[in-house]
Amino acid sequence: MPTTITRMVAAAFIATTTVLTPAHAQRTDITIGMQLEPPHLDPTSAAAQAIDSVVYSNIFEGLTKFQRDGSIVAGLAESWEITDDGTEYTFTLRDGVQFHDETTMDAEDVKFSLDRARADDSQNAQKALFTGIQNVRVVDPLTVKITLDGPNGNFLFNLAWGDAVIVAPESIGNIKQSPIGTGPYVLSDWVQGDQIVLSRNPGYWGEQPSLDKGTFKFISDPTAAFAAMMAEDIDAFSVFPAPENLPQFEADPRFQVLIGSTEGETILSINNKKPPLDNVKVRQAIAHAIDRNALIDGAMFGYGTPIGTHFAPHHPAYVELTQQSAYDPEKARTLLAEANLADGFNVTLHLPPPSYARRGGEIIAAQLANVGIEAQIINVEWAQWLETVFRGKNFDLTIVSHTEPMDIGIYARPDYYFQYDSSEFQDVIAALNTTTDPDSRVSLLQTAQKLIADDYVNSYLFQLAALGVAKVGIQGLWEDLPTAAIPLAEISWKN
């Protein structure tokens, strides 16, 4: 048969085959890149946001939960009633909810979870969320009554945190490596250093999600992350670590770029108890030595909003205080001289893996050197940062994004890693916790912002932008990140 005729027959066969093939099936799996791997999978005993990114609303659920716009809705609690004095919450739980091991989730599990979180020996990184709880009482299997020692306008908000998810006493012993929750996905595989795979939970109490499987792939190096996306080995990066590459993705029809906001206050944390950092003039000098705009341009390629206090600019109660710590190296030198440190001093600067920290740390070290402060950079992995800085408090300076929602209350905890101890600030937060009037709460929040700015507790750098990259067929990824979460149940592929 002549070659031309052979090609015509082949083409006709292919065309016929294409017509007879069913429509392309919708994909039911996704691979999502993450820069950091969780140290373990128990959100109730560590501060690593990578844990919540994998498990929040996927494996574990709480009585309430955050939505993508930051609002609070019912979770495992179907409804609740609050007494007039705001001290007693009666939660009605959803009926028929099971843990992944097919045991029933009931009021006893809620009591166990909250009592465990507030216990004297609790390892919960946000134990302060539960200190106002006076008693948790099981009324019946689907009703639990929580009594507070005073009204708390944040209580339903606090219960939505990943640190407040409901766990079971039967499976708590292996929670770090084999988490058993009530969520729409179960852990099916974890290859340390490589990936975590979640599979759809067929016994989920709620609506079944579109995705059968979600794989979280860990790629710490920004260059490797870019290569993996361009090769389409990764379907999406919820938080892409190389902002300099975003223009290339925007120009590529295969991808969509999602730019939103986060709750991540990126700060130069200062150990307030270590001399000479215990001197407010020294902390003020550090703040004036930093050029925020140069930092945002150099480390984040322009993505980020300057902040002058520990509060998200998109919040209605935000106070603009950046001018109070504006870049002024000459003022920084004067302040150091007033603190008898005209010749400068040496500090350590611990930098965890995220790009904002490693890249930003190089820039900040150069800016500090310009006023006589020599910063020794110590690059640490996330587990080392948690052990040395967060728990051990063995540091001078560090850079980290605090991604927990509206977490200014951490400054009322003298034992928190930067060790700020102000009775005036603690009184403001105590008043905030017992105030429900919206206008009064705004006033207290603004007072709190000004107090920590006046004390130069930390150097406030910028609000971390949410920089996502995904293939064009993906829908449902959160653009804004009111908490560290990648809820797989909300993600699907377009037909």
Protein backbone atom coordinates (compact mmCIF):
# COMPACT_ATOMS: atom_id res chain seq x y z
CA MET A 1 0.00 0.00 0.00
CA PRO A 2 1.44 3.45 -0.93
CA THR A 3 2.70 5.47 2.03
CA THR A 4 0.20 8.32 1.49
CA ILE A 5 -2.74 5.93 1.55
CA THR A 6 -1.36 4.24 4.67
CA ARG A 7 -1.26 7.59 6.47
CA MET A 8 -4.81 8.39 5.36
CA VAL A 9 -6.10 5.08 6.70
CA ALA A 10 -4.23 5.59 9.97
CA ALA A 11 -5.62 9.11 10.33
CA ALA A 12 -9.14 7.89 9.66
CA PHE A 13 -8.74 5.15 12.28
CA ILE A 14 -7.50 7.64 14.88
CA ALA A 15 -10.34 10.03 14.12
CA THR A 16 -12.90 7.24 14.42
CA THR A 17 -11.34 6.07 17.67
CA THR A 18 -11.45 9.60 19.07
CA VAL A 19 -15.13 10.00 18.24
CA LEU A 20 -16.01 6.68 19.86
CA THR A 21 -13.97 7.32 23.04
CA PRO A 22 -16.05 8.62 25.96
CA ALA A 23 -15.55 12.22 27.07
CA HIS A 24 -12.36 12.78 29.04
CA ALA A 25 -13.04 11.72 32.60
CA GLN A 26 -12.72 14.40 35.25
CA ARG A 27 -9.57 14.00 37.33
CA THR A 28 -10.12 12.88 40.90
CA ASP A 29 -6.61 13.29 42.26
CA ILE A 30 -4.30 16.23 42.87
CA THR A 31 -0.66 16.76 43.84
CA ILE A 32 0.02 19.90 45.86
CA GLY A 33 3.50 21.21 46.57
CA MET A 34 4.58 22.39 50.01
CA GLN A 35 7.92 23.86 51.00
CA LEU A 36 7.89 22.50 54.55
CA GLU A 37 7.17 18.97 55.68
CA PRO A 38 5.22 18.62 58.94
CA PRO A 39 7.32 17.31 61.85
CA HIS A 40 4.33 15.09 62.67
CA LEU A 41 0.55 15.19 62.14
CA ASP A 42 -0.82 16.19 65.55
CA PRO A 43 -2.08 19.79 65.32
CA THR A 44 -2.76 19.81 69.07
CA SER A 45 0.87 19.54 70.15
CA ALA A 46 3.04 21.67 67.85
CA ALA A 47 3.24 25.16 66.37
CA ALA A 48 4.25 24.11 62.84
CA GLN A 49 1.81 25.54 60.31
CA ALA A 50 2.69 22.72 57.89
CA ILE A 51 0.70 20.37 60.12
CA ASP A 52 -2.51 22.36 59.68
CA SER A 53 -1.84 22.72 55.96
CA VAL A 54 -2.15 18.94 55.64
CA VAL A 55 -4.70 18.00 58.31
CA TYR A 56 -7.05 21.00 58.86
CA SER A 57 -10.54 20.15 57.54
CA ASN A 58 -8.97 17.14 55.81
CA ILE A 59 -8.18 14.67 58.59
CA PHE A 60 -9.30 16.61 61.66
CA GLU A 61 -12.28 18.83 62.43
CA GLY A 62 -13.33 20.99 65.36
CA LEU A 63 -16.63 22.08 66.86
CA THR A 64 -16.43 25.17 64.63
CA LYS A 65 -14.29 25.89 61.59
CA PHE A 66 -12.90 28.70 59.47
CA GLN A 67 -14.24 29.35 56.00
CA ARG A 68 -12.15 30.80 53.20
CA ASP A 69 -13.32 34.34 54.04
CA GLY A 70 -12.30 33.95 57.68
CA SER A 71 -15.84 33.60 58.99
CA ILE A 72 -16.72 30.96 61.59
CA VAL A 73 -19.32 28.28 60.84
CA ALA A 74 -20.54 25.09 62.46
CA GLY A 75 -18.24 22.08 62.29
CA LEU A 76 -18.80 18.99 64.38
CA ALA A 77 -21.18 21.06 66.45
CA GLU A 78 -24.47 21.35 64.61
CA SER A 79 -25.62 24.28 66.76
CA TRP A 80 -25.04 25.97 70.10
CA GLU A 81 -26.75 28.12 72.70
CA ILE A 82 -25.06 30.77 74.84
CA THR A 83 -26.37 32.01 78.18
CA ASP A 84 -27.11 35.72 78.55
CA ASP A 85 -24.03 36.28 80.68
CA GLY A 86 -21.82 34.65 78.01
CA THR A 87 -20.28 32.08 80.37
CA GLU A 88 -22.04 28.88 79.30
CA TYR A 89 -22.06 27.29 75.86
CA THR A 90 -24.23 24.26 75.14
CA PHE A 91 -23.21 22.50 71.94
CA THR A 92 -25.40 20.06 70.05
CA LEU A 93 -23.20 17.65 68.11
CA ARG A 94 -23.92 16.19 64.71
CA ASP A 95 -25.44 12.74 64.87
CA GLY A 96 -23.82 9.79 63.11
CA VAL A 97 -20.25 11.14 62.98
CA GLN A 98 -17.54 8.48 63.08
CA PHE A 99 -13.79 8.61 63.42
CA HIS A 100 -11.75 6.99 60.66
CA ASP A 101 -11.48 3.80 62.76
CA GLU A 102 -15.32 3.61 62.73
CA THR A 103 -15.69 4.48 66.42
CA THR A 104 -18.39 7.02 67.23
CA MET A 105 -17.56 10.68 67.84
CA ASP A 106 -19.61 11.92 70.78
CA ALA A 107 -19.62 14.33 73.72
CA GLU A 108 -17.10 12.21 75.63
CA ASP A 109 -14.57 12.83 72.84
CA VAL A 110 -15.22 16.58 72.98
CA LYS A 111 -14.66 16.57 76.73
CA PHE A 112 -11.48 14.50 76.33
CA SER A 113 -10.11 16.83 73.64
CA LEU A 114 -10.74 20.07 75.52
CA ASP A 115 -9.63 18.71 78.88
CA ARG A 116 -6.44 17.41 77.26
CA ALA A 117 -5.76 20.77 75.61
CA ARG A 118 -6.08 22.71 78.88
CA ALA A 119 -4.43 20.19 81.21
CA ASP A 120 -1.42 21.19 83.30
CA ASP A 121 0.82 18.92 81.25
CA SER A 122 -0.70 19.95 77.92
CA GLN A 123 1.73 20.21 75.00
CA ASN A 124 -0.72 22.33 73.01
CA ALA A 125 1.13 25.25 71.39
CA GLN A 126 -1.96 27.43 71.88
CA LYS A 127 -2.92 26.32 75.37
CA ALA A 128 -3.96 29.89 76.16
CA LEU A 129 -7.01 29.39 73.92
CA PHE A 130 -8.47 27.09 76.55
CA THR A 131 -7.45 28.71 79.85
CA GLY A 132 -10.87 30.33 80.32
CA ILE A 133 -12.63 26.97 80.33
CA GLN A 134 -13.80 26.18 83.86
CA ASN A 135 -15.61 22.94 83.15
CA VAL A 136 -16.61 20.64 80.28
CA ARG A 137 -19.65 18.48 81.09
CA VAL A 138 -21.24 15.71 79.07
CA VAL A 139 -25.02 16.18 79.14
CA ASP A 140 -25.76 13.27 76.82
CA PRO A 141 -23.90 11.63 73.88
CA LEU A 142 -24.76 14.51 71.54
CA THR A 143 -24.74 17.42 74.00
CA VAL A 144 -21.80 19.01 75.79
CA LYS A 145 -21.88 22.03 78.09
CA ILE A 146 -18.80 24.23 78.46
CA THR A 147 -18.62 26.69 81.35
CA LEU A 148 -16.19 29.62 81.18
CA ASP A 149 -14.78 31.60 84.09
CA GLY A 150 -16.02 34.75 82.34
CA PRO A 151 -17.52 35.84 79.01
CA ASN A 152 -15.17 35.40 76.05
CA GLY A 153 -16.04 37.09 72.79
CA ASN A 154 -13.41 34.95 71.02
CA PHE A 155 -14.58 31.55 72.20
CA LEU A 156 -16.23 30.26 69.00
CA PHE A 157 -13.26 31.71 67.08
CA ASN A 158 -10.83 29.89 69.38
CA LEU A 159 -12.60 26.57 68.84
CA ALA A 160 -12.04 26.88 65.07
CA TRP A 161 -8.24 26.74 65.40
CA GLY A 162 -6.41 23.61 64.36
CA ASP A 163 -5.21 23.34 67.95
CA ALA A 164 -8.83 22.73 69.03
CA VAL A 165 -9.76 19.79 66.78
CA ILE A 166 -11.60 16.84 68.28
CA VAL A 167 -9.60 13.67 68.87
CA ALA A 168 -10.38 10.34 70.51
CA PRO A 169 -8.72 8.76 73.57
CA GLU A 170 -8.60 5.39 71.78
CA SER A 171 -6.25 6.66 69.06
CA ILE A 172 -4.39 9.49 70.78
CA GLY A 173 -1.31 7.38 71.44
CA ASN A 174 -0.37 7.20 67.76
CA ILE A 175 -1.77 10.55 66.63
CA LYS A 176 1.56 11.98 65.46
CA GLN A 177 2.21 9.26 62.89
CA SER A 178 -1.24 7.69 62.44
CA PRO A 179 -3.82 10.46 62.92
CA ILE A 180 -7.43 9.35 63.34
CA GLY A 181 -9.95 12.14 62.84
CA THR A 182 -13.48 12.67 61.57
CA GLY A 183 -12.62 14.51 58.36
CA PRO A 184 -13.34 13.73 54.69
CA TYR A 185 -9.84 12.27 54.16
CA VAL A 186 -7.73 9.60 55.83
CA LEU A 187 -3.97 9.21 55.89
CA SER A 188 -3.05 6.45 53.45
CA ASP A 189 0.73 6.92 53.10
CA TRP A 190 3.60 9.02 54.41
CA VAL A 191 7.02 8.74 52.81
CA GLN A 192 9.22 10.78 55.12
CA GLY A 193 11.05 13.52 53.28
CA ASP A 194 8.94 13.08 50.16
CA GLN A 195 5.16 13.11 50.38
CA ILE A 196 1.96 12.51 52.34
CA VAL A 197 -1.02 10.91 50.60
CA LEU A 198 -4.61 11.34 51.80
CA SER A 199 -7.50 9.24 50.47
CA ARG A 200 -11.20 9.97 50.53
CA ASN A 201 -13.05 8.76 53.62
CA PRO A 202 -16.06 6.75 52.38
CA GLY A 203 -17.70 6.97 55.81
CA TYR A 204 -17.55 10.76 56.04
CA TRP A 205 -20.60 12.30 57.72
CA GLY A 206 -20.81 15.20 55.27
CA GLU A 207 -20.95 15.56 51.51
CA GLN A 208 -18.47 13.39 49.65
CA PRO A 209 -15.70 15.47 48.02
CA SER A 210 -14.80 15.38 44.31
CA LEU A 211 -11.21 14.32 44.86
CA ASP A 212 -10.47 10.69 45.68
CA LYS A 213 -6.86 11.42 46.59
CA GLY A 214 -4.64 14.33 47.54
CA THR A 215 -0.85 14.13 47.60
CA PHE A 216 1.23 16.72 49.43
CA LYS A 217 4.70 16.78 47.86
CA PHE A 218 7.52 18.40 49.85
CA ILE A 219 9.95 20.53 47.86
CA SER A 220 12.04 22.81 50.06
CA ASP A 221 14.21 24.41 47.36
CA PRO A 222 12.49 27.28 45.46
CA THR A 223 14.35 26.47 42.23
CA ALA A 224 13.22 22.85 42.42
CA ALA A 225 9.67 24.02 43.12
CA PHE A 226 9.69 26.10 39.96
CA ALA A 227 11.05 23.21 37.91
CA ALA A 228 8.43 20.81 39.28
CA MET A 229 5.58 23.17 38.40
CA MET A 230 6.91 23.88 34.91
CA ALA A 231 7.30 20.14 34.28
CA GLU A 232 3.71 19.69 35.55
CA ASP A 233 4.87 17.16 38.12
CA ILE A 234 2.97 19.30 40.63
CA ASP A 235 -0.61 20.43 40.05
CA ALA A 236 -0.57 23.35 42.49
CA PHE A 237 1.43 25.19 45.12
CA SER A 238 -0.88 26.85 47.63
CA VAL A 239 2.03 28.97 48.87
CA PHE A 240 4.64 29.17 46.13
CA PRO A 241 8.15 29.77 47.55
CA ALA A 242 9.69 31.64 44.61
CA PRO A 243 7.79 34.91 43.99
CA GLU A 244 10.32 35.95 41.33
CA ASN A 245 8.88 33.26 39.05
CA LEU A 246 5.26 34.41 39.22
CA PRO A 247 5.49 36.55 36.03
CA GLN A 248 6.53 33.44 34.09
CA PHE A 249 3.50 31.54 35.35
CA GLU A 250 1.22 34.48 34.57
CA ALA A 251 2.46 34.45 30.98
CA ASP A 252 2.02 30.68 30.61
CA PRO A 253 -1.52 29.59 29.54
CA ARG A 254 -1.12 26.32 31.42
CA PHE A 255 -1.21 28.04 34.81
CA GLN A 256 -3.20 30.41 36.98
CA VAL A 257 -1.64 32.63 39.64
CA LEU A 258 -3.66 33.23 42.80
CA ILE A 259 -2.63 36.25 44.86
CA GLY A 260 -4.37 36.78 48.18
CA SER A 261 -3.70 37.67 51.79
CA THR A 262 -2.75 35.62 54.81
CA GLU A 263 -2.81 36.01 58.57
CA GLY A 264 0.97 35.77 58.48
CA GLU A 265 2.64 38.65 60.30
CA THR A 266 6.27 38.31 59.28
CA ILE A 267 8.41 39.62 62.10
CA LEU A 268 12.00 39.84 63.27
CA SER A 269 11.38 38.23 66.66
CA ILE A 270 13.54 39.48 69.52
CA ASN A 271 14.35 37.64 72.73
CA ASN A 272 13.15 40.31 75.16
CA LYS A 273 14.94 38.76 78.16
CA LYS A 274 18.47 38.55 76.72
CA PRO A 275 20.77 41.55 77.29
CA PRO A 276 21.16 43.92 75.58
CA LEU A 277 17.87 43.10 73.82
CA ASP A 278 16.01 43.61 77.10
CA ASN A 279 16.63 47.35 76.62
CA VAL A 280 13.75 48.99 74.73
CA LYS A 281 16.18 51.48 73.14
CA VAL A 282 18.13 48.61 71.61
CA ARG A 283 14.96 47.03 70.24
CA GLN A 284 13.91 50.41 68.88
CA ALA A 285 17.30 50.81 67.22
CA ILE A 286 16.89 47.45 65.51
CA ALA A 287 13.48 48.50 64.21
CA HIS A 288 14.83 51.76 62.76
CA ALA A 289 17.74 49.92 61.13
CA ILE A 290 15.39 47.91 58.90
CA ASP A 291 14.18 49.14 55.52
CA ARG A 292 10.90 47.26 55.06
CA ASN A 293 10.46 48.22 51.43
CA ALA A 294 13.96 47.02 50.51
CA LEU A 295 13.20 43.80 52.38
CA ILE A 296 9.90 43.22 50.58
CA ASP A 297 11.46 43.99 47.21
CA GLY A 298 14.57 41.90 47.80
CA ALA A 299 13.10 38.87 49.55
CA MET A 300 9.52 38.84 48.23
CA PHE A 301 9.92 40.62 44.87
CA GLY A 302 7.42 43.25 45.90
CA TYR A 303 4.75 40.96 47.34
CA GLY A 304 3.87 41.91 50.91
CA THR A 305 2.32 44.75 52.92
CA PRO A 306 4.48 46.67 55.42
CA ILE A 307 3.24 46.45 59.03
CA GLY A 308 4.15 48.37 62.16
CA THR A 309 2.58 46.03 64.70
CA HIS A 310 1.44 42.43 65.05
CA PHE A 311 -1.90 42.69 63.28
CA ALA A 312 -3.23 42.00 59.81
CA PRO A 313 -3.81 45.13 57.68
CA HIS A 314 -7.02 43.66 56.22
CA HIS A 315 -8.64 43.54 59.67
CA PRO A 316 -11.04 46.45 60.40
CA ALA A 317 -9.31 47.16 63.73
CA TYR A 318 -5.83 47.54 62.20
CA VAL A 319 -3.81 50.63 63.19
CA GLU A 320 -1.22 51.98 60.74
CA LEU A 321 1.96 52.32 62.82
CA THR A 322 4.77 51.78 60.31
CA GLN A 323 5.98 55.38 60.63
CA GLN A 324 6.68 54.84 64.32
CA SER A 325 9.46 52.43 63.31
CA ALA A 326 10.37 53.96 59.96
CA TYR A 327 13.75 53.25 58.39
CA ASP A 328 16.20 55.69 59.96
CA PRO A 329 19.73 54.29 60.40
CA GLU A 330 21.03 57.52 61.92
CA LYS A 331 18.36 57.37 64.62
CA ALA A 332 19.26 53.72 65.18
CA ARG A 333 22.90 54.67 65.80
CA THR A 334 21.83 57.44 68.20
CA LEU A 335 19.65 55.03 70.17
CA LEU A 336 22.49 52.53 70.43
CA ALA A 337 24.77 55.28 71.75
CA GLU A 338 22.13 56.20 74.35
CA ALA A 339 22.11 52.53 75.38
CA ASN A 340 25.94 52.67 75.79
CA LEU A 341 26.40 50.52 72.70
CA ALA A 342 27.89 53.08 70.34
CA ASP A 343 30.39 50.46 69.16
CA GLY A 344 27.60 48.03 68.38
CA PHE A 345 27.24 44.42 69.52
CA ASN A 346 26.87 40.87 68.18
CA VAL A 347 23.73 38.75 67.93
CA THR A 348 22.64 35.43 66.48
CA LEU A 349 19.97 35.33 63.78
CA HIS A 350 18.21 31.96 63.47
CA LEU A 351 16.59 31.44 60.07
CA PRO A 352 14.10 28.62 59.37
CA PRO A 353 13.74 27.27 55.80
CA PRO A 354 11.00 29.48 54.24
CA SER A 355 12.22 31.84 51.54
CA TYR A 356 10.99 34.94 53.38
CA ALA A 357 13.27 33.99 56.28
CA ARG A 358 16.39 32.83 54.46
CA ARG A 359 16.33 35.59 51.82
CA GLY A 360 15.05 38.21 54.23
CA GLY A 361 17.66 37.26 56.81
CA GLU A 362 20.52 38.08 54.47
CA ILE A 363 19.05 41.52 53.79
CA ILE A 364 18.32 42.26 57.45
CA ALA A 365 21.82 41.15 58.52
CA ALA A 366 23.31 43.67 56.08
CA GLN A 367 20.98 46.41 57.30
CA LEU A 368 21.85 45.72 60.94
CA ALA A 369 25.57 45.71 60.13
CA ASN A 370 25.10 49.20 58.71
CA VAL A 371 24.35 50.50 62.23
CA GLY A 372 26.97 48.38 64.02
CA ILE A 373 24.97 45.26 64.91
CA GLU A 374 26.73 42.14 63.64
CA ALA A 375 24.25 39.30 63.12
CA GLN A 376 25.60 35.76 62.87
CA ILE A 377 23.23 33.86 60.59
CA ILE A 378 22.33 30.35 61.74
CA ASN A 379 20.24 28.43 59.21
CA VAL A 380 18.09 25.80 60.92
CA GLU A 381 15.55 23.25 59.77
CA TRP A 382 12.00 23.62 61.02
CA ALA A 383 12.32 20.95 63.72
CA GLN A 384 15.49 22.64 64.99
CA TRP A 385 13.74 26.01 65.04
CA LEU A 386 10.90 24.59 67.12
CA GLU A 387 13.32 22.98 69.56
CA THR A 388 15.92 25.75 69.87
CA VAL A 389 13.92 28.95 69.37
CA PHE A 390 10.26 28.25 70.08
CA ARG A 391 10.59 25.83 72.97
CA GLY A 392 14.17 26.41 74.13
CA LYS A 393 14.15 30.23 73.80
CA ASN A 394 17.85 29.91 73.01
CA PHE A 395 18.18 32.69 70.43
CA ASP A 396 18.71 36.42 69.98
CA LEU A 397 16.83 37.18 66.76
CA THR A 398 14.80 35.09 64.33
CA ILE A 399 12.48 35.66 61.38
CA VAL A 400 9.14 33.90 61.21
CA SER A 401 5.61 34.44 59.91
CA HIS A 402 2.94 34.01 62.57
CA THR A 403 0.11 32.59 60.49
CA GLU A 404 -2.40 31.97 63.28
CA PRO A 405 -5.52 34.14 62.90
CA MET A 406 -5.68 37.34 64.99
CA ASP A 407 -3.07 36.08 67.44
CA ILE A 408 -2.03 39.32 69.15
CA GLY A 409 -2.95 37.62 72.42
CA ILE A 410 0.37 35.73 72.37
CA TYR A 411 2.00 38.92 73.68
CA ALA A 412 0.08 38.41 76.94
CA ARG A 413 2.04 35.20 77.57
CA PRO A 414 5.37 35.94 79.33
CA ASP A 415 6.53 32.37 78.68
CA TYR A 416 6.03 32.70 74.92
CA TYR A 417 9.27 32.38 72.99
CA PHE A 418 10.07 36.09 72.65
CA GLN A 419 9.38 36.48 76.42
CA TYR A 420 7.58 39.83 76.53
CA ASP A 421 6.14 40.53 79.99
CA SER A 422 3.86 43.56 80.34
CA SER A 423 1.09 43.64 82.96
CA GLU A 424 -0.50 46.57 81.13
CA PHE A 425 -0.75 44.56 77.92
CA GLN A 426 -1.99 41.50 79.81
CA ASP A 427 -4.77 43.59 81.35
CA VAL A 428 -5.87 44.78 77.91
CA ILE A 429 -6.07 41.23 76.57
CA ALA A 430 -7.91 40.09 79.70
CA ALA A 431 -10.46 42.85 79.11
CA LEU A 432 -10.69 41.91 75.43
CA ASN A 433 -11.45 38.30 76.33
CA THR A 434 -14.40 39.32 78.46
CA THR A 435 -15.78 41.94 76.07
CA THR A 436 -18.45 41.15 73.49
CA ASP A 437 -19.44 44.67 72.36
CA PRO A 438 -17.93 45.10 68.84
CA ASP A 439 -16.92 48.75 69.25
CA SER A 440 -15.29 48.11 72.61
CA ARG A 441 -13.39 45.16 71.18
CA VAL A 442 -12.04 47.31 68.34
CA SER A 443 -10.84 49.92 70.84
CA LEU A 444 -9.08 47.27 72.95
CA LEU A 445 -7.46 45.68 69.91
CA GLN A 446 -6.15 49.04 68.79
CA THR A 447 -4.77 49.76 72.26
CA ALA A 448 -3.02 46.38 72.21
CA GLN A 449 -1.42 47.13 68.84
CA LYS A 450 -0.08 50.45 70.06
CA LEU A 451 1.34 49.01 73.27
CA ILE A 452 3.54 46.42 71.55
CA ALA A 453 4.59 48.98 68.96
CA ASP A 454 5.57 51.41 71.74
CA ASP A 455 7.59 48.69 73.47
CA TYR A 456 9.23 47.61 70.19
CA VAL A 457 8.72 44.02 71.33
CA ASN A 458 9.66 42.76 67.87
CA SER A 459 10.49 44.40 64.57
CA TYR A 460 7.34 44.17 62.46
CA LEU A 461 8.20 43.61 58.81
CA PHE A 462 5.34 42.73 56.46
CA GLN A 463 2.12 40.83 56.08
CA LEU A 464 2.85 37.68 54.11
CA ALA A 465 1.03 37.51 50.79
CA ALA A 466 -0.62 34.27 49.70
CA LEU A 467 1.08 33.47 46.40
CA GLY A 468 -0.49 30.43 44.81
CA VAL A 469 0.18 28.75 41.46
CA ALA A 470 -2.06 26.08 39.95
CA LYS A 471 -2.91 24.45 36.67
CA VAL A 472 -5.79 26.18 34.92
CA GLY A 473 -8.18 23.25 35.39
CA ILE A 474 -8.15 23.48 39.18
CA GLN A 475 -10.88 25.31 41.05
CA GLY A 476 -11.64 25.74 44.74
CA LEU A 477 -8.17 26.50 46.09
CA TRP A 478 -8.23 29.15 48.79
CA GLU A 479 -6.75 32.44 47.55
CA ASP A 480 -6.78 34.09 50.96
CA LEU A 481 -5.54 32.06 53.91
CA PRO A 482 -7.39 32.99 57.14
CA THR A 483 -5.62 29.98 58.62
CA ALA A 484 -2.99 27.56 57.36
CA ALA A 485 -5.24 25.16 55.47
CA ILE A 486 -5.63 23.42 52.13
CA PRO A 487 -9.12 21.87 52.37
CA LEU A 488 -9.12 19.18 49.68
CA ALA A 489 -12.91 18.79 49.87
CA GLU A 490 -13.34 22.24 48.30
CA ILE A 491 -11.04 21.50 45.35
CA SER A 492 -12.10 20.02 42.01
CA TRP A 493 -11.10 19.91 38.36
CA LYS A 494 -13.12 21.56 35.62
CA ASN A 495 -14.59 19.17 33.06
